[in-house]
C-alpha atoms as a PDB file:
ATOM      1  CA  UNK A   1      -3.642  58.027  -6.087  1.00  0.00           C
ATOM      2  CA  UNK A   2      -6.697  57.064  -8.140  1.00  0.00           C
ATOM      3  CA  UNK A   3      -7.513  60.585  -9.343  1.00  0.00           C
ATOM      4  CA  UNK A   4      -4.057  62.073  -9.721  1.00  0.00           C
ATOM      5  CA  UNK A   5      -4.149  64.985 -12.157  1.00  0.00           C
ATOM      6  CA  UNK A   6      -7.918  64.902 -12.595  1.00  0.00           C
ATOM      7  CA  UNK A   7     -10.065  68.036 -12.487  1.00  0.00           C
ATOM      8  CA  UNK A   8     -13.429  67.581 -10.784  1.00  0.00           C
ATOM      9  CA  UNK A   9     -16.608  69.497  -9.993  1.00  0.00           C
ATOM     10  CA  UNK A  10     -18.753  68.231  -7.117  1.00  0.00           C
ATOM     11  CA  UNK A  11     -22.096  69.943  -7.473  1.00  0.00           C
ATOM     12  CA  UNK A  12     -25.099  70.059  -5.162  1.00  0.00           C
ATOM     13  CA  UNK A  13     -24.225  69.906  -1.476  1.00  0.00           C
ATOM     14  CA  UNK A  14     -20.507  69.524  -2.035  1.00  0.00           C
ATOM     15  CA  UNK A  15     -19.818  71.109   1.327  1.00  0.00           C
ATOM     16  CA  UNK A  16     -21.775  68.778   3.603  1.00  0.00           C
ATOM     17  CA  UNK A  17     -22.765  65.171   4.207  1.00  0.00           C
ATOM     18  CA  UNK A  18     -21.987  62.794   1.363  1.00  0.00           C
ATOM     19  CA  UNK A  19     -20.760  65.695  -0.768  1.00  0.00           C
ATOM     20  CA  UNK A  20     -18.227  66.697   1.865  1.00  0.00           C
ATOM     21  CA  UNK A  21     -16.972  63.119   2.105  1.00  0.00           C
ATOM     22  CA  UNK A  22     -16.634  63.021  -1.690  1.00  0.00           C
ATOM     23  CA  UNK A  23     -14.654  66.274  -1.849  1.00  0.00           C
ATOM     24  CA  UNK A  24     -12.343  65.178   0.968  1.00  0.00           C
ATOM     25  CA  UNK A  25     -11.598  61.856  -0.709  1.00  0.00           C
ATOM     26  CA  UNK A  26     -11.190  63.434  -4.135  1.00  0.00           C
ATOM     27  CA  UNK A  27      -8.567  65.748  -2.673  1.00  0.00           C
ATOM     28  CA  UNK A  28      -6.823  62.866  -0.930  1.00  0.00           C
ATOM     29  CA  UNK A  29      -6.820  60.869  -4.177  1.00  0.00           C
ATOM     30  CA  UNK A  30      -5.060  63.648  -6.094  1.00  0.00           C
ATOM     31  CA  UNK A  31      -7.896  65.472  -7.847  1.00  0.00           C
ATOM     32  CA  UNK A  32      -8.176  69.243  -8.022  1.00  0.00           C
ATOM     33  CA  UNK A  33     -11.780  69.874  -7.051  1.00  0.00           C
ATOM     34  CA  UNK A  34     -14.300  72.678  -7.254  1.00  0.00           C
ATOM     35  CA  UNK A  35     -16.846  72.391  -4.451  1.00  0.00           C
ATOM     36  CA  UNK A  36     -20.311  73.759  -5.236  1.00  0.00           C
ATOM     37  CA  UNK A  37     -22.802  74.330  -2.442  1.00  0.00           C
ATOM     38  CA  UNK A  38     -25.829  76.537  -1.851  1.00  0.00           C
ATOM     39  CA  UNK A  39     -24.124  77.884   1.281  1.00  0.00           C
ATOM     40  CA  UNK A  40     -20.945  79.811   0.330  1.00  0.00           C
ATOM     41  CA  UNK A  41     -19.513  79.502   3.856  1.00  0.00           C
ATOM     42  CA  UNK A  42     -19.955  75.741   3.782  1.00  0.00           C
ATOM     43  CA  UNK A  43     -18.309  75.493   0.361  1.00  0.00           C
ATOM     44  CA  UNK A  44     -15.377  77.600   1.589  1.00  0.00           C
ATOM     45  CA  UNK A  45     -14.974  75.515   4.721  1.00  0.00           C
ATOM     46  CA  UNK A  46     -14.927  72.312   2.679  1.00  0.00           C
ATOM     47  CA  UNK A  47     -12.326  73.766   0.309  1.00  0.00           C
ATOM     48  CA  UNK A  48     -10.191  74.835   3.249  1.00  0.00           C
ATOM     49  CA  UNK A  49     -10.308  71.292   4.622  1.00  0.00           C
ATOM     50  CA  UNK A  50      -9.103  69.827   1.338  1.00  0.00           C
ATOM     51  CA  UNK A  51      -6.303  72.396   1.098  1.00  0.00           C
ATOM     52  CA  UNK A  52      -5.281  71.794   4.710  1.00  0.00           C
ATOM     53  CA  UNK A  53      -4.652  68.171   3.747  1.00  0.00           C
ATOM     54  CA  UNK A  54      -2.434  69.200   0.847  1.00  0.00           C
ATOM     55  CA  UNK A  55      -5.032  69.112  -1.916  1.00  0.00           C
ATOM     56  CA  UNK A  56      -6.266  71.682  -4.401  1.00  0.00           C
ATOM     57  CA  UNK A  57      -9.811  72.997  -3.999  1.00  0.00           C
ATOM     58  CA  UNK A  58     -11.913  76.018  -4.895  1.00  0.00           C
ATOM     59  CA  UNK A  59     -15.343  76.910  -3.486  1.00  0.00           C
ATOM     60  CA  UNK A  60     -18.291  78.134  -5.527  1.00  0.00           C
ATOM     61  CA  UNK A  61     -21.884  78.778  -4.486  1.00  0.00           C
ATOM     62  CA  UNK A  62     -25.191  78.671  -6.301  1.00  0.00           C
ATOM     63  CA  UNK A  63     -28.668  77.172  -6.386  1.00  0.00           C
ATOM     64  CA  UNK A  64     -28.991  73.957  -8.388  1.00  0.00           C
ATOM     65  CA  UNK A  65     -32.599  74.891  -9.146  1.00  0.00           C
ATOM     66  CA  UNK A  66     -31.326  77.758 -11.308  1.00  0.00           C
ATOM     67  CA  UNK A  67     -30.047  76.960 -14.803  1.00  0.00           C
ATOM     68  CA  UNK A  68     -27.985  80.145 -14.803  1.00  0.00           C
ATOM     69  CA  UNK A  69     -26.373  79.196 -11.480  1.00  0.00           C
ATOM     70  CA  UNK A  70     -25.626  75.668 -12.688  1.00  0.00           C
ATOM     71  CA  UNK A  71     -23.981  76.902 -15.863  1.00  0.00           C
ATOM     72  CA  UNK A  72     -22.007  79.439 -13.838  1.00  0.00           C
ATOM     73  CA  UNK A  73     -20.759  76.686 -11.514  1.00  0.00           C
ATOM     74  CA  UNK A  74     -19.490  74.633 -14.441  1.00  0.00           C
ATOM     75  CA  UNK A  75     -17.887  77.705 -16.016  1.00  0.00           C
ATOM     76  CA  UNK A  76     -16.196  78.566 -12.710  1.00  0.00           C
ATOM     77  CA  UNK A  77     -14.841  75.027 -12.458  1.00  0.00           C
ATOM     78  CA  UNK A  78     -13.420  75.114 -15.979  1.00  0.00           C
ATOM     79  CA  UNK A  79     -11.824  78.502 -15.381  1.00  0.00           C
ATOM     80  CA  UNK A  80     -10.396  77.586 -11.966  1.00  0.00           C
ATOM     81  CA  UNK A  81      -9.074  74.185 -13.003  1.00  0.00           C
ATOM     82  CA  UNK A  82      -8.164  74.849 -16.625  1.00  0.00           C
ATOM     83  CA  UNK A  83     -10.638  72.244 -17.810  1.00  0.00           C
ATOM     84  CA  UNK A  84     -12.880  69.498 -16.473  1.00  0.00           C
ATOM     85  CA  UNK A  85     -12.526  65.711 -16.313  1.00  0.00           C
ATOM     86  CA  UNK A  86     -15.123  64.658 -13.724  1.00  0.00           C
ATOM     87  CA  UNK A  87     -18.607  65.798 -12.749  1.00  0.00           C
ATOM     88  CA  UNK A  88     -20.254  64.500  -9.574  1.00  0.00           C
ATOM     89  CA  UNK A  89     -23.858  65.318  -8.639  1.00  0.00           C
ATOM     90  CA  UNK A  90     -24.878  64.717  -5.059  1.00  0.00           C
ATOM     91  CA  UNK A  91     -27.853  66.517  -3.548  1.00  0.00           C
ATOM     92  CA  UNK A  92     -31.289  64.890  -3.499  1.00  0.00           C
ATOM     93  CA  UNK A  93     -34.029  63.645  -1.222  1.00  0.00           C
ATOM     94  CA  UNK A  94     -37.709  63.995  -0.460  1.00  0.00           C
ATOM     95  CA  UNK A  95     -38.400  64.215   3.270  1.00  0.00           C
ATOM     96  CA  UNK A  96     -35.874  67.053   3.625  1.00  0.00           C
ATOM     97  CA  UNK A  97     -37.930  69.129   1.175  1.00  0.00           C
ATOM     98  CA  UNK A  98     -41.582  68.018   1.251  1.00  0.00           C
ATOM     99  CA  UNK A  99     -43.746  65.730   3.423  1.00  0.00           C
ATOM    100  CA  UNK A 100     -43.702  61.975   2.937  1.00  0.00           C
ATOM    101  CA  UNK A 101     -47.223  61.034   1.842  1.00  0.00           C
ATOM    102  CA  UNK A 102     -48.964  58.440  -0.285  1.00  0.00           C
ATOM    103  CA  UNK A 103     -48.966  59.155  -3.995  1.00  0.00           C
ATOM    104  CA  UNK A 104     -52.605  60.261  -4.253  1.00  0.00           C
ATOM    105  CA  UNK A 105     -52.079  62.757  -1.412  1.00  0.00           C
ATOM    106  CA  UNK A 106     -49.048  64.464  -2.909  1.00  0.00           C
ATOM    107  CA  UNK A 107     -49.486  68.077  -3.974  1.00  0.00           C
ATOM    108  CA  UNK A 108     -48.489  68.916  -7.524  1.00  0.00           C
ATOM    109  CA  UNK A 109     -46.118  71.644  -6.382  1.00  0.00           C
ATOM    110  CA  UNK A 110     -44.379  69.173  -4.052  1.00  0.00           C
ATOM    111  CA  UNK A 111     -43.878  66.770  -6.961  1.00  0.00           C
ATOM    112  CA  UNK A 112     -42.293  69.610  -8.919  1.00  0.00           C
ATOM    113  CA  UNK A 113     -39.978  70.425  -6.014  1.00  0.00           C
ATOM    114  CA  UNK A 114     -38.703  66.847  -5.888  1.00  0.00           C
ATOM    115  CA  UNK A 115     -38.193  66.933  -9.646  1.00  0.00           C
ATOM    116  CA  UNK A 116     -36.142  70.136  -9.341  1.00  0.00           C
ATOM    117  CA  UNK A 117     -33.819  68.931  -6.575  1.00  0.00           C
ATOM    118  CA  UNK A 118     -33.340  65.332  -7.724  1.00  0.00           C
ATOM    119  CA  UNK A 119     -33.516  65.029 -11.501  1.00  0.00           C
ATOM    120  CA  UNK A 120     -33.829  68.317 -13.360  1.00  0.00           C
ATOM    121  CA  UNK A 121     -30.626  69.816 -11.965  1.00  0.00           C
ATOM    122  CA  UNK A 122     -28.750  66.568 -12.655  1.00  0.00           C
ATOM    123  CA  UNK A 123     -29.879  66.563 -16.279  1.00  0.00           C
ATOM    124  CA  UNK A 124     -28.934  70.216 -16.650  1.00  0.00           C
ATOM    125  CA  UNK A 125     -25.525  69.740 -15.061  1.00  0.00           C
ATOM    126  CA  UNK A 126     -24.875  66.671 -17.221  1.00  0.00           C
ATOM    127  CA  UNK A 127     -25.827  68.484 -20.425  1.00  0.00           C
ATOM    128  CA  UNK A 128     -23.583  71.405 -19.515  1.00  0.00           C
ATOM    129  CA  UNK A 129     -20.651  69.150 -18.640  1.00  0.00           C
ATOM    130  CA  UNK A 130     -21.112  67.146 -21.837  1.00  0.00           C
ATOM    131  CA  UNK A 131     -20.597  70.296 -23.888  1.00  0.00           C
ATOM    132  CA  UNK A 132     -17.350  70.961 -22.029  1.00  0.00           C
ATOM    133  CA  UNK A 133     -16.129  67.376 -22.464  1.00  0.00           C
ATOM    134  CA  UNK A 134     -16.950  67.385 -26.178  1.00  0.00           C
ATOM    135  CA  UNK A 135     -15.215  70.723 -26.755  1.00  0.00           C
ATOM    136  CA  UNK A 136     -12.103  69.506 -24.905  1.00  0.00           C
ATOM    137  CA  UNK A 137     -12.113  66.241 -26.838  1.00  0.00           C
ATOM    138  CA  UNK A 138     -10.520  64.391 -23.926  1.00  0.00           C
ATOM    139  CA  UNK A 139     -13.487  62.382 -22.630  1.00  0.00           C
ATOM    140  CA  UNK A 140     -14.895  62.648 -19.140  1.00  0.00           C
ATOM    141  CA  UNK A 141     -16.538  60.789 -16.278  1.00  0.00           C
ATOM    142  CA  UNK A 142     -19.881  61.623 -14.655  1.00  0.00           C
ATOM    143  CA  UNK A 143     -21.056  60.065 -11.408  1.00  0.00           C
ATOM    144  CA  UNK A 144     -24.426  60.747  -9.807  1.00  0.00           C
ATOM    145  CA  UNK A 145     -25.308  59.750  -6.267  1.00  0.00           C
ATOM    146  CA  UNK A 146     -28.589  57.911  -6.679  1.00  0.00           C
ATOM    147  CA  UNK A 147     -30.730  55.717  -4.468  1.00  0.00           C
ATOM    148  CA  UNK A 148     -32.046  52.188  -4.196  1.00  0.00           C
ATOM    149  CA  UNK A 149     -35.510  53.762  -4.377  1.00  0.00           C
ATOM    150  CA  UNK A 150     -34.801  54.122  -8.070  1.00  0.00           C
ATOM    151  CA  UNK A 151     -35.371  50.381  -8.503  1.00  0.00           C
ATOM    152  CA  UNK A 152     -37.251  49.422  -5.304  1.00  0.00           C
ATOM    153  CA  UNK A 153     -40.696  50.482  -4.115  1.00  0.00           C
ATOM    154  CA  UNK A 154     -40.593  53.714  -2.116  1.00  0.00           C
ATOM    155  CA  UNK A 155     -43.792  53.954  -0.035  1.00  0.00           C
ATOM    156  CA  UNK A 156     -44.685  57.597   0.649  1.00  0.00           C
ATOM    157  CA  UNK A 157     -41.675  58.695  -1.414  1.00  0.00           C
ATOM    158  CA  UNK A 158     -42.949  57.971  -4.916  1.00  0.00           C
ATOM    159  CA  UNK A 159     -41.620  61.177  -6.445  1.00  0.00           C
ATOM    160  CA  UNK A 160     -38.155  60.544  -5.036  1.00  0.00           C
ATOM    161  CA  UNK A 161     -38.082  57.022  -6.449  1.00  0.00           C
ATOM    162  CA  UNK A 162     -39.249  58.178  -9.858  1.00  0.00           C
ATOM    163  CA  UNK A 163     -36.535  60.826 -10.046  1.00  0.00           C
ATOM    164  CA  UNK A 164     -33.792  58.417  -8.970  1.00  0.00           C
ATOM    165  CA  UNK A 165     -34.956  55.948 -11.615  1.00  0.00           C
ATOM    166  CA  UNK A 166     -34.671  58.802 -14.085  1.00  0.00           C
ATOM    167  CA  UNK A 167     -31.026  59.366 -13.145  1.00  0.00           C
ATOM    168  CA  UNK A 168     -30.172  55.766 -14.012  1.00  0.00           C
ATOM    169  CA  UNK A 169     -32.001  56.126 -17.327  1.00  0.00           C
ATOM    170  CA  UNK A 170     -30.008  59.300 -17.965  1.00  0.00           C
ATOM    171  CA  UNK A 171     -26.758  57.451 -17.243  1.00  0.00           C
ATOM    172  CA  UNK A 172     -27.683  54.733 -19.716  1.00  0.00           C
ATOM    173  CA  UNK A 173     -28.444  57.308 -22.377  1.00  0.00           C
ATOM    174  CA  UNK A 174     -25.121  59.064 -21.819  1.00  0.00           C
ATOM    175  CA  UNK A 175     -23.388  55.689 -22.059  1.00  0.00           C
ATOM    176  CA  UNK A 176     -25.089  54.874 -25.346  1.00  0.00           C
ATOM    177  CA  UNK A 177     -24.646  58.264 -26.972  1.00  0.00           C
ATOM    178  CA  UNK A 178     -21.176  59.330 -25.836  1.00  0.00           C
ATOM    179  CA  UNK A 179     -19.067  56.211 -25.317  1.00  0.00           C
ATOM    180  CA  UNK A 180     -17.359  56.866 -28.651  1.00  0.00           C
ATOM    181  CA  UNK A 181     -16.284  60.236 -27.235  1.00  0.00           C
ATOM    182  CA  UNK A 182     -14.690  58.629 -24.194  1.00  0.00           C
ATOM    183  CA  UNK A 183     -17.446  59.949 -21.896  1.00  0.00           C
ATOM    184  CA  UNK A 184     -18.884  57.703 -19.192  1.00  0.00           C
ATOM    185  CA  UNK A 185     -21.714  58.081 -16.678  1.00  0.00           C
ATOM    186  CA  UNK A 186     -22.511  55.821 -13.742  1.00  0.00           C
ATOM    187  CA  UNK A 187     -24.624  55.925 -10.581  1.00  0.00           C
ATOM    188  CA  UNK A 188     -23.738  55.192  -6.954  1.00  0.00           C
ATOM    189  CA  UNK A 189     -27.105  53.960  -5.673  1.00  0.00           C
ATOM    190  CA  UNK A 190     -27.173  54.483  -1.916  1.00  0.00           C
ATOM    191  CA  UNK A 191     -29.402  52.880   0.662  1.00  0.00           C
ATOM    192  CA  UNK A 192     -29.725  54.125   4.240  1.00  0.00           C
ATOM    193  CA  UNK A 193     -26.745  56.398   4.865  1.00  0.00           C
ATOM    194  CA  UNK A 194     -26.164  58.173   8.180  1.00  0.00           C
ATOM    195  CA  UNK A 195     -26.057  61.917   7.446  1.00  0.00           C
ATOM    196  CA  UNK A 196     -27.213  65.078   9.186  1.00  0.00           C
ATOM    197  CA  UNK A 197     -30.524  64.770   7.324  1.00  0.00           C
ATOM    198  CA  UNK A 198     -30.868  61.082   8.122  1.00  0.00           C
ATOM    199  CA  UNK A 199     -29.848  60.817  11.773  1.00  0.00           C
ATOM    200  CA  UNK A 200     -30.740  58.600  14.709  1.00  0.00           C
ATOM    201  CA  UNK A 201     -31.781  55.453  12.801  1.00  0.00           C
ATOM    202  CA  UNK A 202     -34.312  53.400  14.704  1.00  0.00           C
ATOM    203  CA  UNK A 203     -33.619  49.830  15.716  1.00  0.00           C
ATOM    204  CA  UNK A 204     -36.480  48.749  13.475  1.00  0.00           C
ATOM    205  CA  UNK A 205     -34.850  50.222  10.381  1.00  0.00           C
ATOM    206  CA  UNK A 206     -31.456  48.795  11.243  1.00  0.00           C
ATOM    207  CA  UNK A 207     -33.009  45.360  11.664  1.00  0.00           C
ATOM    208  CA  UNK A 208     -34.057  45.515   8.011  1.00  0.00           C
ATOM    209  CA  UNK A 209     -30.448  45.962   6.871  1.00  0.00           C
ATOM    210  CA  UNK A 210     -28.599  42.624   6.541  1.00  0.00           C
ATOM    211  CA  UNK A 211     -25.264  44.215   7.501  1.00  0.00           C
ATOM    212  CA  UNK A 212     -26.932  45.551  10.638  1.00  0.00           C
ATOM    213  CA  UNK A 213     -26.013  49.233  10.359  1.00  0.00           C
ATOM    214  CA  UNK A 214     -26.439  52.413   8.359  1.00  0.00           C
ATOM    215  CA  UNK A 215     -23.873  53.155   5.698  1.00  0.00           C
ATOM    216  CA  UNK A 216     -21.316  55.932   6.078  1.00  0.00           C
ATOM    217  CA  UNK A 217     -20.821  58.905   3.797  1.00  0.00           C
ATOM    218  CA  UNK A 218     -17.193  57.850   3.370  1.00  0.00           C
ATOM    219  CA  UNK A 219     -18.329  54.518   1.922  1.00  0.00           C
ATOM    220  CA  UNK A 220     -20.420  56.285  -0.707  1.00  0.00           C
ATOM    221  CA  UNK A 221     -17.464  58.567  -1.448  1.00  0.00           C
ATOM    222  CA  UNK A 222     -15.212  55.558  -2.019  1.00  0.00           C
ATOM    223  CA  UNK A 223     -17.685  54.205  -4.575  1.00  0.00           C
ATOM    224  CA  UNK A 224     -17.867  57.597  -6.304  1.00  0.00           C
ATOM    225  CA  UNK A 225     -14.074  57.750  -6.551  1.00  0.00           C
ATOM    226  CA  UNK A 226     -13.973  54.272  -8.069  1.00  0.00           C
ATOM    227  CA  UNK A 227     -16.655  55.077 -10.650  1.00  0.00           C
ATOM    228  CA  UNK A 228     -15.014  58.406 -11.507  1.00  0.00           C
ATOM    229  CA  UNK A 229     -11.527  56.977 -11.858  1.00  0.00           C
ATOM    230  CA  UNK A 230      -9.793  55.050 -14.611  1.00  0.00           C
ATOM    231  CA  UNK A 231     -10.158  51.934 -12.447  1.00  0.00           C
ATOM    232  CA  UNK A 232     -13.692  51.716 -13.855  1.00  0.00           C
ATOM    233  CA  UNK A 233     -12.766  52.747 -17.389  1.00  0.00           C
ATOM    234  CA  UNK A 234     -14.725  49.793 -18.833  1.00  0.00           C
ATOM    235  CA  UNK A 235     -17.892  50.637 -16.850  1.00  0.00           C
ATOM    236  CA  UNK A 236     -20.584  52.980 -18.122  1.00  0.00           C
ATOM    237  CA  UNK A 237     -24.361  53.252 -17.834  1.00  0.00           C
ATOM    238  CA  UNK A 238     -24.327  51.157 -14.657  1.00  0.00           C
ATOM    239  CA  UNK A 239     -25.152  51.559 -10.982  1.00  0.00           C
ATOM    240  CA  UNK A 240     -23.135  50.401  -7.986  1.00  0.00           C
ATOM    241  CA  UNK A 241     -25.510  49.583  -5.115  1.00  0.00           C
ATOM    242  CA  UNK A 242     -24.492  50.550  -1.568  1.00  0.00           C
ATOM    243  CA  UNK A 243     -27.341  49.405   0.671  1.00  0.00           C
ATOM    244  CA  UNK A 244     -25.976  46.912   3.196  1.00  0.00           C
ATOM    245  CA  UNK A 245     -27.778  44.103   1.359  1.00  0.00           C
ATOM    246  CA  UNK A 246     -31.322  45.507   1.603  1.00  0.00           C
ATOM    247  CA  UNK A 247     -32.116  45.085  -2.088  1.00  0.00           C
ATOM    248  CA  UNK A 248     -31.105  41.423  -2.200  1.00  0.00           C
ATOM    249  CA  UNK A 249     -32.681  40.294   1.065  1.00  0.00           C
ATOM    250  CA  UNK A 250     -35.525  37.876   0.407  1.00  0.00           C
ATOM    251  CA  UNK A 251     -38.731  37.486   2.433  1.00  0.00           C
ATOM    252  CA  UNK A 252     -37.170  34.665   4.441  1.00  0.00           C
ATOM    253  CA  UNK A 253     -33.861  36.408   5.119  1.00  0.00           C
END
């Protein structure tokens, strides 16, 4: 098992969608996992599912927009697991939170909302986890679920793209500053993934994907496990792109 003996916190939507797939696979791969979600019932259900499969899991709830809640989630993970080896950040998006509009039409408060739920909480969670890793002195691995919009144009989702680009920049900074401490950070940059928020893909969108289909949450989870595990011990400050070939398709493809 790739994560045998590892202690992980999956924060931001750990009980649903991609986060749920990550927690399930972490449990199957031998990690003890704390599942953080805004909805306590959803976090508990996800933890029950991991335990039903023979894994170790604990639920915790909180709002990633609150610094106090974020710090409490990390503290709960350390106390429940006896330490922390892996941090995964998941939740993000734009259209689930504010309207998709052209940049000049975007309200300032909507921009701030996208900042809160895509980049600020990630930076806060990373800073908090770094303090834990440094105090333990045993290194650590951080994986953030990002997006191809972080390096491709995102019409009517400018704020989302900017924040996802910021996550990659954050990962590179962590790589540069903490490699000597055995701490790594990488990004799983997702394209179009079929989730409850992103359902019923149109034929037009699918036609733009060279592999001809939406990705699955389980495929993102597999990438997160790889980046979190010792199998990628020589990888830091990088992004693994999961987009069905969208980002490499040329104009004549």
